[in-house]
Amino acid sequence: MKRAIQLLLLTLIIISSTPQHTHANNEELSQEEIFKGRMELYQKMETVTQVPWYYLAAADTYERGLRRAQRDRPREEGLISIYYEPEVWAGPINPNKEDTNPLSISLFNGVGLDGNGDGIASLSDDEDVLYTFANYLEQYGFDEEDFRIALWDYYQREQSVSIIHGHATVYEHFGNLDLDDHAFPIPLNHNYSYKNTWGDRRGWGGRRIHEGTDIFAGYNVPVRATAYGKVEVKGWNMYGGWRIGIRDLDNIYHYYAHLSGFEKGIEEGSIVSPGDVIGYCGSSGYGKPGTQGKFPPHLHYGMYRDNGYTEWSFDPFPSLKSWERKAYQDRKKKK
């Protein structure tokens, strides 16, 4: 009996050597074609599994950000970025780490599934990868709490759950994927100035570096959201004073500090677009709630990237210059 089982497994492994299907190279597609292709995949899997498309889009977007933040993860070649290690896909004890046979993958406790009915479960097939993930979510249920539980079991990290849930909220709100635009945080018609101050030494509150760029402007000059995203934090911080934190769809946390106040209607959980006014320039911070005037009014703008394990600051100055340049170009076109 044991011999027969071994022969069966060997046969299945041999059968599974069928050449893998490959997906379209996303470098050959326009941005519009990429968004269209992804949405078609998300909506198809929603029809098959009943998992809302924006849940799938949110997880895929989160993983796309991880691929850019983790050096040991390869860039996606297709439209879908959800990542499975070969030994997880094929099974931890499967001798064939490139196995594409759904039956032998299942026998070796792999997760890979056939998502398009071609009899192959391939890591290089967007439909197979997305269906495998959607099938996992489907087993937990379809409401928000089910979604959170499934993500916690999958990632074992509350921050990952929070970020993906935020992405889902943004996608559900706007109903589309074309949400890559950005805006300069200060309206061009106001007087302002800034230079690269990231990494400068700071003394108040202990020795530390300056994790951002200071944009000097007058009191109550409007401060705008620089990206599509969800407000994660709003309130007082002893270093930043009245501040707002917004998470964008690239897993980046945008930090706006030293505000004089907030725009009416902006709360934790609010969904924002590039250019939306979120608050006003001030000089709050460096003390207990309400402290202000210890320095000239300015916006402290910081950017922090999440890599699935931790979060770190990086220099926002190049992004600010790029957004400012585009804002001037757009204004010139309108004249």
Protein backbone atom coordinates (compact mmCIF):
# COMPACT_ATOMS: atom_id res chain seq x y z
CA MET A 1 0.00 0.00 0.00
CA LYS A 2 2.80 2.36 0.96
CA ARG A 3 4.60 1.51 -2.27
CA ALA A 4 1.47 2.30 -4.29
CA ILE A 5 1.11 5.70 -2.63
CA GLN A 6 4.73 6.52 -3.37
CA LEU A 7 4.27 5.56 -7.04
CA LEU A 8 1.13 7.71 -7.21
CA LEU A 9 2.93 10.74 -5.81
CA LEU A 10 5.84 10.21 -8.21
CA THR A 11 3.41 10.05 -11.12
CA LEU A 12 1.72 13.25 -10.02
CA ILE A 13 5.04 15.06 -9.73
CA ILE A 14 5.96 13.97 -13.26
CA ILE A 15 2.59 15.14 -14.57
CA SER A 16 3.03 18.47 -12.82
CA SER A 17 6.06 19.28 -14.98
CA THR A 18 3.67 20.75 -17.56
CA PRO A 19 5.11 24.13 -18.75
CA GLN A 20 3.79 27.06 -16.72
CA HIS A 21 1.52 29.71 -18.21
CA THR A 22 2.94 33.19 -18.10
CA HIS A 23 1.17 36.49 -17.68
CA ALA A 24 1.52 39.62 -19.74
CA ASN A 25 4.55 41.74 -18.90
CA ASN A 26 3.20 44.89 -17.27
CA GLU A 27 6.04 46.92 -18.81
CA GLU A 28 4.36 46.44 -22.20
CA LEU A 29 1.11 48.04 -21.03
CA SER A 30 0.05 51.65 -20.55
CA GLN A 31 -1.03 52.81 -17.08
CA GLU A 32 -4.62 52.88 -18.27
CA GLU A 33 -4.35 49.30 -19.53
CA ILE A 34 -2.82 48.18 -16.24
CA PHE A 35 -5.64 49.67 -14.18
CA LYS A 36 -8.23 48.20 -16.56
CA GLY A 37 -6.62 44.76 -16.45
CA ARG A 38 -6.38 44.72 -12.68
CA MET A 39 -9.98 45.82 -12.22
CA GLU A 40 -11.16 43.08 -14.57
CA LEU A 41 -9.28 40.51 -12.50
CA TYR A 42 -10.60 41.86 -9.18
CA GLN A 43 -14.18 41.92 -10.43
CA LYS A 44 -13.91 38.45 -11.95
CA MET A 45 -12.71 37.03 -8.63
CA GLU A 46 -15.47 38.91 -6.82
CA THR A 47 -17.98 37.11 -9.05
CA VAL A 48 -16.35 33.74 -8.41
CA THR A 49 -15.76 34.04 -4.65
CA GLN A 50 -18.13 36.87 -3.56
CA VAL A 51 -15.17 38.66 -1.93
CA PRO A 52 -15.63 42.41 -2.69
CA TRP A 53 -13.22 43.65 -5.35
CA TYR A 54 -11.92 46.46 -3.16
CA TYR A 55 -10.73 43.95 -0.54
CA LEU A 56 -8.71 42.18 -3.22
CA ALA A 57 -7.42 45.47 -4.62
CA ALA A 58 -6.40 46.62 -1.13
CA ALA A 59 -4.37 43.49 -0.35
CA ASP A 60 -2.78 43.49 -3.79
CA THR A 61 -1.85 47.18 -3.44
CA TYR A 62 -0.35 46.57 -0.01
CA GLU A 63 1.78 43.76 -1.36
CA ARG A 64 2.87 45.91 -4.29
CA GLY A 65 4.22 48.38 -1.75
CA LEU A 66 6.03 45.57 0.06
CA ARG A 67 7.72 44.51 -3.15
CA ARG A 68 9.14 48.02 -3.44
CA ALA A 69 10.21 48.17 0.20
CA GLN A 70 11.71 44.70 0.67
CA ARG A 71 14.90 44.04 -1.24
CA ASP A 72 14.49 40.26 -1.11
CA ARG A 73 11.13 40.35 -2.90
CA PRO A 74 11.17 40.42 -6.72
CA ARG A 75 9.20 43.03 -8.62
CA GLU A 76 5.94 41.71 -10.02
CA GLU A 77 6.04 40.80 -13.69
CA GLY A 78 2.30 40.73 -14.19
CA LEU A 79 -0.66 42.76 -12.99
CA ILE A 80 -1.05 41.12 -9.57
CA SER A 81 1.53 41.67 -6.81
CA ILE A 82 0.35 39.23 -4.12
CA TYR A 83 3.43 37.18 -3.25
CA TYR A 84 3.77 33.52 -2.34
CA GLU A 85 7.08 31.84 -1.69
CA PRO A 86 7.48 28.77 -3.95
CA GLU A 87 7.59 26.35 -1.00
CA VAL A 88 4.34 27.82 0.35
CA TRP A 89 2.66 27.63 -3.04
CA ALA A 90 3.79 24.09 -3.91
CA GLY A 91 3.91 22.70 -0.36
CA PRO A 92 6.67 22.74 2.27
CA ILE A 93 7.71 19.10 1.67
CA ASN A 94 7.03 19.03 -2.06
CA PRO A 95 10.28 18.00 -3.82
CA ASN A 96 9.17 20.01 -6.87
CA LYS A 97 9.09 23.67 -5.84
CA GLU A 98 7.84 24.58 -9.33
CA ASP A 99 4.89 22.20 -9.15
CA THR A 100 1.80 23.43 -11.02
CA ASN A 101 -0.43 20.39 -10.61
CA PRO A 102 -3.30 21.32 -8.25
CA LEU A 103 -3.69 17.74 -7.01
CA SER A 104 -0.07 17.14 -6.07
CA ILE A 105 0.17 20.67 -4.60
CA SER A 106 -2.81 19.81 -2.39
CA LEU A 107 -1.26 16.47 -1.35
CA PHE A 108 1.85 18.30 -0.19
CA ASN A 109 -0.25 20.90 1.68
CA GLY A 110 0.54 23.70 -0.74
CA VAL A 111 -1.81 26.65 -1.12
CA GLY A 112 -1.68 27.08 -4.91
CA LEU A 113 -5.00 26.82 -6.75
CA ASP A 114 -6.17 26.83 -10.36
CA GLY A 115 -8.02 30.11 -10.80
CA ASN A 116 -8.96 29.97 -14.48
CA GLY A 117 -9.89 26.32 -15.04
CA ASP A 118 -6.92 25.37 -17.21
CA GLY A 119 -5.87 22.57 -14.85
CA ILE A 120 -2.71 24.38 -13.81
CA ALA A 121 -1.92 26.25 -10.58
CA SER A 122 0.92 28.54 -11.57
CA LEU A 123 2.70 31.22 -9.55
CA SER A 124 3.22 33.09 -12.81
CA ASP A 125 -0.49 33.25 -13.61
CA ASP A 126 -2.29 36.33 -12.26
CA GLU A 127 -5.66 34.59 -12.09
CA ASP A 128 -4.26 31.62 -10.16
CA VAL A 129 -2.51 33.86 -7.63
CA LEU A 130 -5.47 36.18 -7.11
CA TYR A 131 -7.95 33.29 -6.88
CA THR A 132 -5.76 31.56 -4.29
CA PHE A 133 -5.82 34.67 -2.11
CA ALA A 134 -9.53 35.36 -2.69
CA ASN A 135 -10.34 31.76 -1.82
CA TYR A 136 -8.47 32.20 1.46
CA LEU A 137 -10.48 35.32 2.34
CA GLU A 138 -13.74 33.67 1.28
CA GLN A 139 -13.36 31.00 3.97
CA TYR A 140 -13.63 33.66 6.71
CA GLY A 141 -16.76 35.43 5.49
CA PHE A 142 -17.59 38.65 3.72
CA ASP A 143 -18.07 41.48 6.21
CA GLU A 144 -15.51 43.93 7.57
CA GLU A 145 -14.76 42.00 10.76
CA ASP A 146 -14.29 38.75 8.80
CA PHE A 147 -11.88 40.60 6.54
CA ARG A 148 -9.86 41.87 9.49
CA ILE A 149 -9.66 38.43 11.10
CA ALA A 150 -8.53 36.83 7.84
CA LEU A 151 -5.82 39.45 7.38
CA TRP A 152 -4.62 39.04 10.96
CA ASP A 153 -4.29 35.28 10.53
CA TYR A 154 -2.46 35.82 7.24
CA TYR A 155 -0.03 38.60 8.21
CA GLN A 156 0.10 38.25 12.01
CA ARG A 157 0.55 42.04 12.28
CA GLU A 158 -2.01 44.62 13.30
CA GLN A 159 -0.34 47.40 11.31
CA SER A 160 -0.68 45.35 8.11
CA VAL A 161 -4.36 44.76 8.86
CA SER A 162 -4.91 48.48 9.46
CA ILE A 163 -3.14 49.57 6.28
CA ILE A 164 -4.98 47.10 4.04
CA HIS A 165 -8.32 47.99 5.61
CA GLY A 166 -7.55 51.65 4.90
CA HIS A 167 -6.75 50.87 1.28
CA ALA A 168 -10.04 48.99 0.94
CA THR A 169 -11.93 51.97 2.34
CA VAL A 170 -10.29 54.31 -0.17
CA TYR A 171 -11.02 52.04 -3.14
CA GLU A 172 -14.62 51.52 -2.05
CA HIS A 173 -15.06 55.30 -1.66
CA PHE A 174 -13.75 56.25 -5.11
CA GLY A 175 -14.81 53.11 -6.98
CA ASN A 176 -11.76 52.98 -9.24
CA LEU A 177 -8.01 52.25 -9.22
CA ASP A 178 -6.63 55.35 -10.93
CA LEU A 179 -5.60 57.09 -7.72
CA ASP A 180 -1.91 57.89 -8.26
CA ASP A 181 -2.07 61.70 -8.50
CA HIS A 182 -0.29 63.95 -5.98
CA ALA A 183 -0.42 67.61 -4.96
CA PHE A 184 2.00 70.07 -3.38
CA PRO A 185 0.89 70.69 0.23
CA ILE A 186 0.87 74.51 0.05
CA PRO A 187 -1.22 76.37 -2.58
CA LEU A 188 1.04 78.11 -5.10
CA ASN A 189 -0.69 81.46 -4.64
CA HIS A 190 0.70 81.80 -1.09
CA ASN A 191 4.17 82.89 -0.10
CA TYR A 192 6.26 79.97 1.14
CA SER A 193 9.85 78.75 1.15
CA TYR A 194 11.63 75.50 1.89
CA LYS A 195 14.91 73.66 1.51
CA ASN A 196 16.12 70.16 2.23
CA THR A 197 16.27 69.88 6.03
CA TRP A 198 15.86 66.10 6.32
CA GLY A 199 18.46 64.59 8.63
CA ASP A 200 19.45 67.86 10.35
CA ARG A 201 20.12 67.65 14.07
CA ARG A 202 17.37 68.59 16.50
CA GLY A 203 17.80 69.26 20.21
CA TRP A 204 14.37 69.76 21.74
CA GLY A 205 13.12 66.58 23.41
CA GLY A 206 16.53 64.90 23.24
CA ARG A 207 19.11 64.42 20.54
CA ARG A 208 17.40 63.37 17.31
CA ILE A 209 17.41 64.04 13.57
CA HIS A 210 14.88 66.07 11.59
CA GLU A 211 12.65 63.54 9.84
CA GLY A 212 11.04 65.76 7.27
CA THR A 213 11.08 69.04 5.34
CA ASP A 214 10.01 72.39 6.83
CA ILE A 215 7.92 74.56 4.53
CA PHE A 216 7.75 78.09 5.96
CA ALA A 217 4.55 80.03 5.36
CA GLY A 218 2.30 82.46 7.20
CA TYR A 219 -0.17 81.59 9.93
CA ASN A 220 -3.34 79.91 8.68
CA VAL A 221 -2.09 79.26 5.15
CA PRO A 222 -4.03 76.18 3.96
CA VAL A 223 -2.28 72.81 4.17
CA ARG A 224 -3.40 70.25 1.60
CA ALA A 225 -3.34 66.47 1.31
CA THR A 226 -0.60 65.37 -1.07
CA ALA A 227 -2.14 62.01 -2.03
CA TYR A 228 -5.27 59.90 -2.00
CA GLY A 229 -5.57 58.21 1.36
CA LYS A 230 -7.17 57.78 4.74
CA VAL A 231 -6.60 59.91 7.83
CA GLU A 232 -5.02 57.61 10.42
CA VAL A 233 -4.19 60.13 13.13
CA LYS A 234 -5.45 63.57 14.13
CA GLY A 235 -4.67 65.48 17.32
CA TRP A 236 -1.84 66.68 19.52
CA ASN A 237 1.73 65.45 19.58
CA MET A 238 4.24 67.05 21.95
CA TYR A 239 6.83 67.34 19.18
CA GLY A 240 4.54 68.10 16.24
CA GLY A 241 1.77 70.04 17.97
CA TRP A 242 -1.54 69.79 16.13
CA ARG A 243 -0.83 67.19 13.50
CA ILE A 244 -2.48 64.89 10.97
CA GLY A 245 -1.24 61.57 9.61
CA ILE A 246 -2.54 60.21 6.30
CA ARG A 247 -1.76 56.80 4.76
CA ASP A 248 -1.61 56.66 0.97
CA LEU A 249 -2.01 53.69 -1.40
CA ASP A 250 1.76 53.14 -1.58
CA ASN A 251 1.75 52.25 2.15
CA ILE A 252 3.40 55.63 2.86
CA TYR A 253 2.40 57.61 5.94
CA HIS A 254 2.30 61.39 5.34
CA TYR A 255 2.87 63.48 8.48
CA TYR A 256 1.70 67.12 8.68
CA ALA A 257 2.80 68.90 11.87
CA HIS A 258 2.77 72.29 13.68
CA LEU A 259 -0.71 73.12 12.39
CA SER A 260 -2.70 76.02 13.82
CA GLY A 261 -5.92 74.03 13.39
CA PHE A 262 -7.79 71.49 11.29
CA GLU A 263 -10.17 71.84 8.38
CA LYS A 264 -13.80 71.30 9.36
CA GLY A 265 -14.93 67.75 8.65
CA ILE A 266 -11.46 66.21 8.71
CA GLU A 267 -11.47 63.40 11.25
CA GLU A 268 -9.71 60.09 11.83
CA GLY A 269 -11.06 57.80 9.13
CA SER A 270 -11.74 60.61 6.63
CA ILE A 271 -10.92 59.84 2.99
CA VAL A 272 -8.98 62.57 1.18
CA SER A 273 -7.90 63.44 -2.34
CA PRO A 274 -4.77 65.32 -3.46
CA GLY A 275 -5.34 69.03 -2.90
CA ASP A 276 -8.01 68.67 -0.22
CA VAL A 277 -7.46 71.19 2.58
CA ILE A 278 -6.83 69.28 5.83
CA GLY A 279 -5.53 72.02 8.14
CA TYR A 280 -3.69 75.33 8.44
CA CYS A 281 -0.07 76.33 8.91
CA GLY A 282 0.98 77.32 12.43
CA SER A 283 3.63 77.06 15.14
CA SER A 284 2.12 74.55 17.55
CA GLY A 285 4.17 71.96 19.42
CA TYR A 286 7.23 71.51 21.60
CA GLY A 287 5.18 71.23 24.76
CA LYS A 288 1.84 70.37 26.32
CA PRO A 289 -1.41 70.69 24.31
CA GLY A 290 -1.94 74.27 23.17
CA THR A 291 1.74 75.27 23.19
CA GLN A 292 2.63 77.47 20.23
CA GLY A 293 4.89 80.29 19.12
CA LYS A 294 8.24 78.69 19.98
CA PHE A 295 9.34 78.97 16.34
CA PRO A 296 8.20 80.70 13.12
CA PRO A 297 5.04 79.29 11.53
CA HIS A 298 5.70 76.46 9.12
CA LEU A 299 4.52 73.05 7.99
CA HIS A 300 6.68 70.11 8.98
CA TYR A 301 6.08 67.48 6.30
CA GLY A 302 7.35 63.93 6.75
CA MET A 303 7.06 60.66 4.85
CA TYR A 304 7.36 57.19 6.39
CA ARG A 305 7.40 53.89 4.49
CA ASP A 306 6.06 50.61 5.86
CA ASN A 307 7.79 47.41 4.73
CA GLY A 308 5.58 44.84 6.46
CA TYR A 309 7.81 44.68 9.55
CA THR A 310 8.53 48.23 10.59
CA GLU A 311 8.23 51.82 9.41
CA TRP A 312 10.99 54.33 8.74
CA SER A 313 11.31 57.91 7.55
CA PHE A 314 12.82 58.93 4.25
CA ASP A 315 13.61 62.26 2.64
CA PRO A 316 10.41 63.91 1.29
CA PHE A 317 12.28 66.75 -0.43
CA PRO A 318 12.54 65.09 -3.90
CA SER A 319 8.81 64.31 -3.88
CA LEU A 320 7.94 67.86 -2.83
CA LYS A 321 10.04 69.34 -5.63
CA SER A 322 8.44 67.00 -8.16
CA TRP A 323 4.89 67.84 -7.01
CA GLU A 324 5.66 71.55 -6.93
CA ARG A 325 7.10 71.45 -10.45
CA LYS A 326 4.05 69.63 -11.79
CA ALA A 327 1.73 72.10 -10.04
CA TYR A 328 3.44 74.99 -11.81
CA GLN A 329 3.24 73.15 -15.14
CA ASP A 330 -0.46 72.46 -14.67
CA ARG A 331 -1.14 76.09 -13.76
CA LYS A 332 0.76 77.27 -16.84
CA LYS A 333 -1.36 74.99 -19.08
CA LYS A 334 -4.56 76.54 -17.76
CA LYS A 335 -3.53 80.07 -18.71
